Amino acid sequence: MFIKSSSTQVIKLSIVVILLFILQLKINAQNNTAPIKPATVYAGNIGYTNNGFSIIPTFSFNSPAITTQMSWKKANLSVEPDIRLAPDGKKGSMLLWFRYAAIHKGRFSLRTGIHPAVNWYPKQIIESGKSLEIYQLRRFLAWELAPNINVSKNINTGVYYLQGNGLQDDGPQTTHFVNLYLSVANIPLGDQLKLNLTPAVYYLYLDKKEGTYFTANGTLSHKKSPFSLQSTINQTLKTKITGGKDFLWNMALIYKIK
């Protein structure tokens, strides 16, 4: 599917996000008849990075990106837009997560979710002997399953599974992403600084091709500041999947919204 302007699509998709959010609030208001109303929690972050990573870190923009992750959560349900956009708007992606915390008992929790997504990027074509730049839009539908175990107050481990489906004939059709991670939070670096680390190994299946990878994410934050520094690395271990680089990294400045 090809379009002439990415900005028009971004505006339309943003309107859809807003309308879905308003609808969710109205449904919650109509259905909420309990004497004690669960609070709605708004949170998120906005950042700027030298290299925008996909939700699957094998792939990246290979260019700077503005990132936004927001969350509107009430009880066990949440709506979470996830937008990654090149500064010039020529390439980007938008996901709209609908998530449900199915189990939270003792040290064990289980979350599931579903999202529609689109991404777009410029493409060169030859028409009437002339080179033209157009924008290709691809649509996806995916779901996730995320069991997690709290080993201690600041350490947890789990498996994250994502299954994605392309909604057009060209491009990726079937994706399976299985991520085994360990998260260590609040590592003290002096009185005010803390470090969060999340190393992981993952398996990726993409249209009958497979690969295994190592990735790690680190976040350095200050107790009194909404800003933090975040970095992600991704190293190919073994793969037959083309289109990504053997080693990727980025650095991002993140502003936390609460």
C-alpha atoms as a PDB file:
ATOM      1  CA  MET A   1       0.000   0.000   0.000  1.00  0.00           C
ATOM      2  CA  PHE A   2       1.503   3.328  -1.044  1.00  0.00           C
ATOM      3  CA  ILE A   3       0.634   6.838   0.080  1.00  0.00           C
ATOM      4  CA  LYS A   4       1.744  10.290  -1.026  1.00  0.00           C
ATOM      5  CA  SER A   5       2.114  11.876   2.406  1.00  0.00           C
ATOM      6  CA  SER A   6       3.102  10.350   5.738  1.00  0.00           C
ATOM      7  CA  SER A   7       1.972  13.433   7.659  1.00  0.00           C
ATOM      8  CA  THR A   8      -1.663  12.892   6.601  1.00  0.00           C
ATOM      9  CA  GLN A   9      -1.560   9.325   7.875  1.00  0.00           C
ATOM     10  CA  VAL A  10       0.000  10.406  11.188  1.00  0.00           C
ATOM     11  CA  ILE A  11      -2.807  12.931  11.732  1.00  0.00           C
ATOM     12  CA  LYS A  12      -5.491  10.340  10.951  1.00  0.00           C
ATOM     13  CA  LEU A  13      -3.899   7.751  13.241  1.00  0.00           C
ATOM     14  CA  SER A  14      -3.543  10.297  16.043  1.00  0.00           C
ATOM     15  CA  ILE A  15      -7.256  11.087  15.773  1.00  0.00           C
ATOM     16  CA  VAL A  16      -8.039   7.360  16.008  1.00  0.00           C
ATOM     17  CA  VAL A  17      -5.901   7.081  19.169  1.00  0.00           C
ATOM     18  CA  ILE A  18      -7.696  10.029  20.780  1.00  0.00           C
ATOM     19  CA  LEU A  19     -11.166   8.736  19.870  1.00  0.00           C
ATOM     20  CA  LEU A  20     -10.395   5.256  21.216  1.00  0.00           C
ATOM     21  CA  PHE A  21      -9.119   6.774  24.458  1.00  0.00           C
ATOM     22  CA  ILE A  22     -12.286   8.885  24.873  1.00  0.00           C
ATOM     23  CA  LEU A  23     -14.426   5.803  24.164  1.00  0.00           C
ATOM     24  CA  GLN A  24     -12.523   3.817  26.796  1.00  0.00           C
ATOM     25  CA  LEU A  25     -13.098   6.548  29.390  1.00  0.00           C
ATOM     26  CA  LYS A  26     -16.842   6.617  28.639  1.00  0.00           C
ATOM     27  CA  ILE A  27     -17.131   2.836  28.912  1.00  0.00           C
ATOM     28  CA  ASN A  28     -15.294   2.887  32.244  1.00  0.00           C
ATOM     29  CA  ALA A  29     -17.571   5.647  33.532  1.00  0.00           C
ATOM     30  CA  GLN A  30     -20.753   3.749  32.525  1.00  0.00           C
ATOM     31  CA  ASN A  31     -19.632   0.394  33.907  1.00  0.00           C
ATOM     32  CA  ASN A  32     -18.082   1.640  37.113  1.00  0.00           C
ATOM     33  CA  THR A  33     -20.899   1.181  39.684  1.00  0.00           C
ATOM     34  CA  ALA A  34     -18.785  -0.120  42.577  1.00  0.00           C
ATOM     35  CA  PRO A  35     -18.684   2.009  45.747  1.00  0.00           C
ATOM     36  CA  ILE A  36     -14.892   2.261  45.531  1.00  0.00           C
ATOM     37  CA  LYS A  37     -13.684   3.419  42.134  1.00  0.00           C
ATOM     38  CA  PRO A  38     -10.242   2.286  40.956  1.00  0.00           C
ATOM     39  CA  ALA A  39      -7.999   5.212  40.130  1.00  0.00           C
ATOM     40  CA  THR A  40      -6.983   5.932  36.557  1.00  0.00           C
ATOM     41  CA  VAL A  41      -3.201   6.146  36.298  1.00  0.00           C
ATOM     42  CA  TYR A  42      -1.621   8.289  33.589  1.00  0.00           C
ATOM     43  CA  ALA A  43       2.064   7.803  32.904  1.00  0.00           C
ATOM     44  CA  GLY A  44       4.589   7.686  30.090  1.00  0.00           C
ATOM     45  CA  ASN A  45       7.721   9.146  28.650  1.00  0.00           C
ATOM     46  CA  ILE A  46       9.017  11.063  25.674  1.00  0.00           C
ATOM     47  CA  GLY A  47      12.561  10.779  24.383  1.00  0.00           C
ATOM     48  CA  TYR A  48      15.070  11.519  21.675  1.00  0.00           C
ATOM     49  CA  THR A  49      17.564   8.936  20.476  1.00  0.00           C
ATOM     50  CA  ASN A  50      20.361   8.780  17.926  1.00  0.00           C
ATOM     51  CA  ASN A  51      18.928   5.479  16.604  1.00  0.00           C
ATOM     52  CA  GLY A  52      15.274   4.511  16.898  1.00  0.00           C
ATOM     53  CA  PHE A  53      14.872   0.822  17.741  1.00  0.00           C
ATOM     54  CA  SER A  54      11.877  -1.287  16.774  1.00  0.00           C
ATOM     55  CA  ILE A  55       9.917  -3.175  19.436  1.00  0.00           C
ATOM     56  CA  ILE A  56      12.061  -6.088  18.210  1.00  0.00           C
ATOM     57  CA  PRO A  57      15.626  -4.738  18.609  1.00  0.00           C
ATOM     58  CA  THR A  58      16.943  -6.624  15.558  1.00  0.00           C
ATOM     59  CA  PHE A  59      15.611  -3.754  13.471  1.00  0.00           C
ATOM     60  CA  SER A  60      16.143  -0.015  13.809  1.00  0.00           C
ATOM     61  CA  PHE A  61      15.674   3.274  11.963  1.00  0.00           C
ATOM     62  CA  ASN A  62      19.447   3.630  11.539  1.00  0.00           C
ATOM     63  CA  SER A  63      18.733   7.319  12.138  1.00  0.00           C
ATOM     64  CA  PRO A  64      17.597   9.595  14.991  1.00  0.00           C
ATOM     65  CA  ALA A  65      14.049   9.255  16.296  1.00  0.00           C
ATOM     66  CA  ILE A  66      11.568  10.832  18.667  1.00  0.00           C
ATOM     67  CA  THR A  67       9.868   8.239  20.869  1.00  0.00           C
ATOM     68  CA  THR A  68       6.695   8.458  22.924  1.00  0.00           C
ATOM     69  CA  GLN A  69       5.182   5.772  25.159  1.00  0.00           C
ATOM     70  CA  MET A  70       2.018   6.644  27.068  1.00  0.00           C
ATOM     71  CA  SER A  71      -0.254   4.629  29.361  1.00  0.00           C
ATOM     72  CA  TRP A  72      -3.796   5.095  30.647  1.00  0.00           C
ATOM     73  CA  LYS A  73      -4.450   2.349  33.199  1.00  0.00           C
ATOM     74  CA  LYS A  74      -7.532   1.578  35.267  1.00  0.00           C
ATOM     75  CA  ALA A  75      -7.723  -1.581  37.382  1.00  0.00           C
ATOM     76  CA  ASN A  76      -6.311  -4.399  35.216  1.00  0.00           C
ATOM     77  CA  LEU A  77      -6.855  -2.719  31.839  1.00  0.00           C
ATOM     78  CA  SER A  78      -4.596  -0.261  30.043  1.00  0.00           C
ATOM     79  CA  VAL A  79      -4.384   1.574  26.722  1.00  0.00           C
ATOM     80  CA  GLU A  80      -0.808   2.310  25.662  1.00  0.00           C
ATOM     81  CA  PRO A  81       0.119   4.212  22.478  1.00  0.00           C
ATOM     82  CA  ASP A  82       3.738   3.702  21.345  1.00  0.00           C
ATOM     83  CA  ILE A  83       5.031   6.107  18.672  1.00  0.00           C
ATOM     84  CA  ARG A  84       8.495   6.229  17.070  1.00  0.00           C
ATOM     85  CA  LEU A  85       9.059   8.979  14.534  1.00  0.00           C
ATOM     86  CA  ALA A  86      12.026  10.302  12.576  1.00  0.00           C
ATOM     87  CA  PRO A  87      12.452  14.067  13.135  1.00  0.00           C
ATOM     88  CA  ASP A  88      11.526  14.810   9.507  1.00  0.00           C
ATOM     89  CA  GLY A  89       8.475  12.522   9.670  1.00  0.00           C
ATOM     90  CA  LYS A  90       9.582  10.481   6.672  1.00  0.00           C
ATOM     91  CA  LYS A  91       9.651   7.206   8.574  1.00  0.00           C
ATOM     92  CA  GLY A  92       8.075   6.000  11.752  1.00  0.00           C
ATOM     93  CA  SER A  93       5.808   3.516  13.467  1.00  0.00           C
ATOM     94  CA  MET A  94       2.719   3.647  15.634  1.00  0.00           C
ATOM     95  CA  LEU A  95       1.398   0.890  17.910  1.00  0.00           C
ATOM     96  CA  LEU A  96      -1.756   1.027  20.006  1.00  0.00           C
ATOM     97  CA  TRP A  97      -1.602  -1.524  22.820  1.00  0.00           C
ATOM     98  CA  PHE A  98      -4.682  -2.829  24.642  1.00  0.00           C
ATOM     99  CA  ARG A  99      -3.321  -4.716  27.660  1.00  0.00           C
ATOM    100  CA  TYR A 100      -4.839  -6.792  30.460  1.00  0.00           C
ATOM    101  CA  ALA A 101      -3.096  -7.855  33.680  1.00  0.00           C
ATOM    102  CA  ALA A 102      -4.670 -11.310  33.980  1.00  0.00           C
ATOM    103  CA  ILE A 103      -2.833 -12.592  37.061  1.00  0.00           C
ATOM    104  CA  HIS A 104      -0.975 -10.875  39.881  1.00  0.00           C
ATOM    105  CA  LYS A 105      -0.615 -13.329  42.736  1.00  0.00           C
ATOM    106  CA  GLY A 106       2.350 -13.419  45.096  1.00  0.00           C
ATOM    107  CA  ARG A 107       5.568 -13.249  43.108  1.00  0.00           C
ATOM    108  CA  PHE A 108       3.933 -14.283  39.830  1.00  0.00           C
ATOM    109  CA  SER A 109       2.182 -12.063  37.305  1.00  0.00           C
ATOM    110  CA  LEU A 110       0.843 -12.569  33.794  1.00  0.00           C
ATOM    111  CA  ARG A 111      -0.020  -9.908  31.249  1.00  0.00           C
ATOM    112  CA  THR A 112      -1.524 -10.251  27.814  1.00  0.00           C
ATOM    113  CA  GLY A 113      -2.247  -7.722  25.104  1.00  0.00           C
ATOM    114  CA  ILE A 114      -3.055  -7.008  21.484  1.00  0.00           C
ATOM    115  CA  HIS A 115      -2.141  -4.156  19.171  1.00  0.00           C
ATOM    116  CA  PRO A 116      -2.724  -2.869  15.670  1.00  0.00           C
ATOM    117  CA  ALA A 117       0.344  -1.159  14.217  1.00  0.00           C
ATOM    118  CA  VAL A 118       1.532   0.701  11.159  1.00  0.00           C
ATOM    119  CA  ASN A 119       4.946   1.738   9.940  1.00  0.00           C
ATOM    120  CA  TRP A 120       5.963   3.887   7.015  1.00  0.00           C
ATOM    121  CA  TYR A 121       9.177   4.802   5.233  1.00  0.00           C
ATOM    122  CA  PRO A 122      10.306   6.459   1.974  1.00  0.00           C
ATOM    123  CA  LYS A 123      10.882   4.358  -1.125  1.00  0.00           C
ATOM    124  CA  GLN A 124      12.415   5.269  -4.474  1.00  0.00           C
ATOM    125  CA  ILE A 125      10.558   4.205  -7.639  1.00  0.00           C
ATOM    126  CA  ILE A 126      11.036   4.872 -11.335  1.00  0.00           C
ATOM    127  CA  GLU A 127       7.998   6.294 -13.131  1.00  0.00           C
ATOM    128  CA  SER A 128       8.089   7.529 -16.739  1.00  0.00           C
ATOM    129  CA  GLY A 129      11.868   7.423 -16.593  1.00  0.00           C
ATOM    130  CA  LYS A 130      12.014   9.656 -13.518  1.00  0.00           C
ATOM    131  CA  SER A 131      13.042   8.757  -9.979  1.00  0.00           C
ATOM    132  CA  LEU A 132      10.313   9.532  -7.458  1.00  0.00           C
ATOM    133  CA  GLU A 133      10.161   9.270  -3.668  1.00  0.00           C
ATOM    134  CA  ILE A 134       6.931   7.871  -2.265  1.00  0.00           C
ATOM    135  CA  TYR A 135       5.976   6.492   1.131  1.00  0.00           C
ATOM    136  CA  GLN A 136       5.110   2.870   1.810  1.00  0.00           C
ATOM    137  CA  LEU A 137       2.668   2.115   4.615  1.00  0.00           C
ATOM    138  CA  ARG A 138       2.524  -1.350   6.172  1.00  0.00           C
ATOM    139  CA  ARG A 139      -0.086  -2.571   8.649  1.00  0.00           C
ATOM    140  CA  PHE A 140       0.288  -5.251  11.306  1.00  0.00           C
ATOM    141  CA  LEU A 141      -1.733  -6.976  14.009  1.00  0.00           C
ATOM    142  CA  ALA A 142       0.064  -8.636  16.938  1.00  0.00           C
ATOM    143  CA  TRP A 143      -0.562 -10.100  20.375  1.00  0.00           C
ATOM    144  CA  GLU A 144       1.649 -10.715  23.409  1.00  0.00           C
ATOM    145  CA  LEU A 145       1.932 -12.954  26.457  1.00  0.00           C
ATOM    146  CA  ALA A 146       4.223 -11.916  29.325  1.00  0.00           C
ATOM    147  CA  PRO A 147       4.639 -14.103  32.439  1.00  0.00           C
ATOM    148  CA  ASN A 148       6.941 -12.621  35.090  1.00  0.00           C
ATOM    149  CA  ILE A 149       8.399 -13.708  38.452  1.00  0.00           C
ATOM    150  CA  ASN A 150       9.596 -11.267  41.128  1.00  0.00           C
ATOM    151  CA  VAL A 151      12.727 -12.911  42.511  1.00  0.00           C
ATOM    152  CA  SER A 152      13.182 -10.101  45.039  1.00  0.00           C
ATOM    153  CA  LYS A 153      12.237  -6.449  45.497  1.00  0.00           C
ATOM    154  CA  ASN A 154      14.533  -5.247  42.695  1.00  0.00           C
ATOM    155  CA  ILE A 155      15.049  -8.384  40.616  1.00  0.00           C
ATOM    156  CA  ASN A 156      12.565 -10.038  38.300  1.00  0.00           C
ATOM    157  CA  THR A 157      12.754 -12.448  35.406  1.00  0.00           C
ATOM    158  CA  GLY A 158      10.342 -13.664  32.776  1.00  0.00           C
ATOM    159  CA  VAL A 159       9.545 -14.608  29.216  1.00  0.00           C
ATOM    160  CA  TYR A 160       8.026 -12.221  26.701  1.00  0.00           C
ATOM    161  CA  TYR A 161       6.266 -13.681  23.650  1.00  0.00           C
ATOM    162  CA  LEU A 162       5.058 -11.603  20.685  1.00  0.00           C
ATOM    163  CA  GLN A 163       3.319 -12.950  17.599  1.00  0.00           C
ATOM    164  CA  GLY A 164       2.823 -10.559  14.688  1.00  0.00           C
ATOM    165  CA  ASN A 165       0.985 -10.754  11.361  1.00  0.00           C
ATOM    166  CA  GLY A 166       1.432  -8.570   8.277  1.00  0.00           C
ATOM    167  CA  LEU A 167      -1.832  -7.339   6.731  1.00  0.00           C
ATOM    168  CA  GLN A 168      -0.503  -6.882   3.188  1.00  0.00           C
ATOM    169  CA  ASP A 169       1.015  -9.199   0.599  1.00  0.00           C
ATOM    170  CA  ASP A 170       4.437  -7.535   0.537  1.00  0.00           C
ATOM    171  CA  GLY A 171       6.711  -7.352   3.568  1.00  0.00           C
ATOM    172  CA  PRO A 172       6.852  -9.624   6.645  1.00  0.00           C
ATOM    173  CA  GLN A 173       3.894 -11.972   7.063  1.00  0.00           C
ATOM    174  CA  THR A 174       4.480 -14.029  10.239  1.00  0.00           C
ATOM    175  CA  THR A 175       6.687 -13.146  13.208  1.00  0.00           C
ATOM    176  CA  HIS A 176       7.412 -15.021  16.434  1.00  0.00           C
ATOM    177  CA  PHE A 177       9.536 -13.243  19.054  1.00  0.00           C
ATOM    178  CA  VAL A 178      10.504 -15.025  22.307  1.00  0.00           C
ATOM    179  CA  ASN A 179      12.525 -12.992  24.790  1.00  0.00           C
ATOM    180  CA  LEU A 180      14.054 -14.386  28.027  1.00  0.00           C
ATOM    181  CA  TYR A 181      15.122 -11.523  30.289  1.00  0.00           C
ATOM    182  CA  LEU A 182      16.479 -10.636  33.721  1.00  0.00           C
ATOM    183  CA  SER A 183      15.747  -7.188  35.157  1.00  0.00           C
ATOM    184  CA  VAL A 184      17.788  -5.633  37.975  1.00  0.00           C
ATOM    185  CA  ALA A 185      16.445  -2.308  39.238  1.00  0.00           C
ATOM    186  CA  ASN A 186      17.650   0.462  41.550  1.00  0.00           C
ATOM    187  CA  ILE A 187      21.361  -0.369  41.540  1.00  0.00           C
ATOM    188  CA  PRO A 188      22.766   2.486  43.702  1.00  0.00           C
ATOM    189  CA  LEU A 189      25.495   4.701  42.247  1.00  0.00           C
ATOM    190  CA  GLY A 190      26.014   7.096  45.126  1.00  0.00           C
ATOM    191  CA  ASP A 191      23.239   8.790  47.081  1.00  0.00           C
ATOM    192  CA  GLN A 192      21.159  10.148  44.173  1.00  0.00           C
ATOM    193  CA  LEU A 193      21.946   8.083  41.059  1.00  0.00           C
ATOM    194  CA  LYS A 194      20.531   4.658  40.293  1.00  0.00           C
ATOM    195  CA  LEU A 195      20.951   2.206  37.427  1.00  0.00           C
ATOM    196  CA  ASN A 196      18.484  -0.275  35.946  1.00  0.00           C
ATOM    197  CA  LEU A 197      19.826  -3.132  33.794  1.00  0.00           C
ATOM    198  CA  THR A 198      17.888  -5.623  31.669  1.00  0.00           C
ATOM    199  CA  PRO A 199      19.988  -8.184  29.761  1.00  0.00           C
ATOM    200  CA  ALA A 200      18.133 -10.693  27.569  1.00  0.00           C
ATOM    201  CA  VAL A 201      18.537 -13.363  24.927  1.00  0.00           C
ATOM    202  CA  TYR A 202      15.840 -13.866  22.332  1.00  0.00           C
ATOM    203  CA  TYR A 203      14.717 -16.024  19.439  1.00  0.00           C
ATOM    204  CA  LEU A 204      13.210 -14.499  16.300  1.00  0.00           C
ATOM    205  CA  TYR A 205      11.259 -16.298  13.581  1.00  0.00           C
ATOM    206  CA  LEU A 206      10.452 -14.250  10.495  1.00  0.00           C
ATOM    207  CA  ASP A 207       8.803 -15.914   7.500  1.00  0.00           C
ATOM    208  CA  LYS A 208      10.612 -19.278   7.845  1.00  0.00           C
ATOM    209  CA  LYS A 209      13.952 -17.672   8.748  1.00  0.00           C
ATOM    210  CA  GLU A 210      15.349 -17.831  12.283  1.00  0.00           C
ATOM    211  CA  GLY A 211      17.867 -16.037  14.464  1.00  0.00           C
ATOM    212  CA  THR A 212      19.118 -15.772  18.041  1.00  0.00           C
ATOM    213  CA  TYR A 213      20.366 -12.558  19.623  1.00  0.00           C
ATOM    214  CA  PHE A 214      21.629 -10.912  22.799  1.00  0.00           C
ATOM    215  CA  THR A 215      20.288  -7.539  23.870  1.00  0.00           C
ATOM    216  CA  ALA A 216      20.671  -5.344  26.947  1.00  0.00           C
ATOM    217  CA  ASN A 217      19.056  -2.139  28.115  1.00  0.00           C
ATOM    218  CA  GLY A 218      20.451   0.231  30.743  1.00  0.00           C
ATOM    219  CA  THR A 219      18.839   3.303  32.305  1.00  0.00           C
ATOM    220  CA  LEU A 220      20.673   5.855  34.455  1.00  0.00           C
ATOM    221  CA  SER A 221      18.428   8.156  36.484  1.00  0.00           C
ATOM    222  CA  HIS A 222      18.559  10.724  39.284  1.00  0.00           C
ATOM    223  CA  LYS A 223      16.121  10.556  42.189  1.00  0.00           C
ATOM    224  CA  LYS A 224      15.184  14.230  41.885  1.00  0.00           C
ATOM    225  CA  SER A 225      15.051  14.549  38.091  1.00  0.00           C
ATOM    226  CA  PRO A 226      12.407  13.461  35.543  1.00  0.00           C
ATOM    227  CA  PHE A 227      15.197  13.037  32.965  1.00  0.00           C
ATOM    228  CA  SER A 228      17.188   9.844  32.463  1.00  0.00           C
ATOM    229  CA  LEU A 229      19.757   8.418  30.056  1.00  0.00           C
ATOM    230  CA  GLN A 230      18.954   5.129  28.369  1.00  0.00           C
ATOM    231  CA  SER A 231      21.031   2.901  26.107  1.00  0.00           C
ATOM    232  CA  THR A 232      20.273  -0.341  24.265  1.00  0.00           C
ATOM    233  CA  ILE A 233      22.639  -2.729  22.517  1.00  0.00           C
ATOM    234  CA  ASN A 234      21.766  -5.654  20.267  1.00  0.00           C
ATOM    235  CA  GLN A 235      24.228  -8.341  19.150  1.00  0.00           C
ATOM    236  CA  THR A 236      23.479 -11.069  16.607  1.00  0.00           C
ATOM    237  CA  LEU A 237      24.483 -14.530  17.836  1.00  0.00           C
ATOM    238  CA  LYS A 238      23.312 -16.603  14.877  1.00  0.00           C
ATOM    239  CA  THR A 239      20.801 -15.711  12.177  1.00  0.00           C
ATOM    240  CA  LYS A 240      19.529 -16.286   8.662  1.00  0.00           C
ATOM    241  CA  ILE A 241      17.330 -13.189   8.822  1.00  0.00           C
ATOM    242  CA  THR A 242      18.482 -10.375   6.543  1.00  0.00           C
ATOM    243  CA  GLY A 243      17.907  -6.648   6.831  1.00  0.00           C
ATOM    244  CA  GLY A 244      19.519  -5.985  10.207  1.00  0.00           C
ATOM    245  CA  LYS A 245      23.058  -5.249  11.341  1.00  0.00           C
ATOM    246  CA  ASP A 246      25.131  -7.662  13.454  1.00  0.00           C
ATOM    247  CA  PHE A 247      25.586  -5.025  16.155  1.00  0.00           C
ATOM    248  CA  LEU A 248      23.285  -2.116  16.998  1.00  0.00           C
ATOM    249  CA  TRP A 249      23.327   0.447  19.792  1.00  0.00           C
ATOM    250  CA  ASN A 250      21.672   3.684  20.746  1.00  0.00           C
ATOM    251  CA  MET A 251      21.627   6.399  23.391  1.00  0.00           C
ATOM    252  CA  ALA A 252      18.440   8.209  24.385  1.00  0.00           C
ATOM    253  CA  LEU A 253      17.478  11.139  26.596  1.00  0.00           C
ATOM    254  CA  ILE A 254      14.137  10.325  28.254  1.00  0.00           C
ATOM    255  CA  TYR A 255      11.684  12.641  30.036  1.00  0.00           C
ATOM    256  CA  LYS A 256       9.313  10.799  32.383  1.00  0.00           C
ATOM    257  CA  ILE A 257       5.676  11.925  32.508  1.00  0.00           C
ATOM    258  CA  LYS A 258       3.650  11.052  35.574  1.00  0.00           C
END
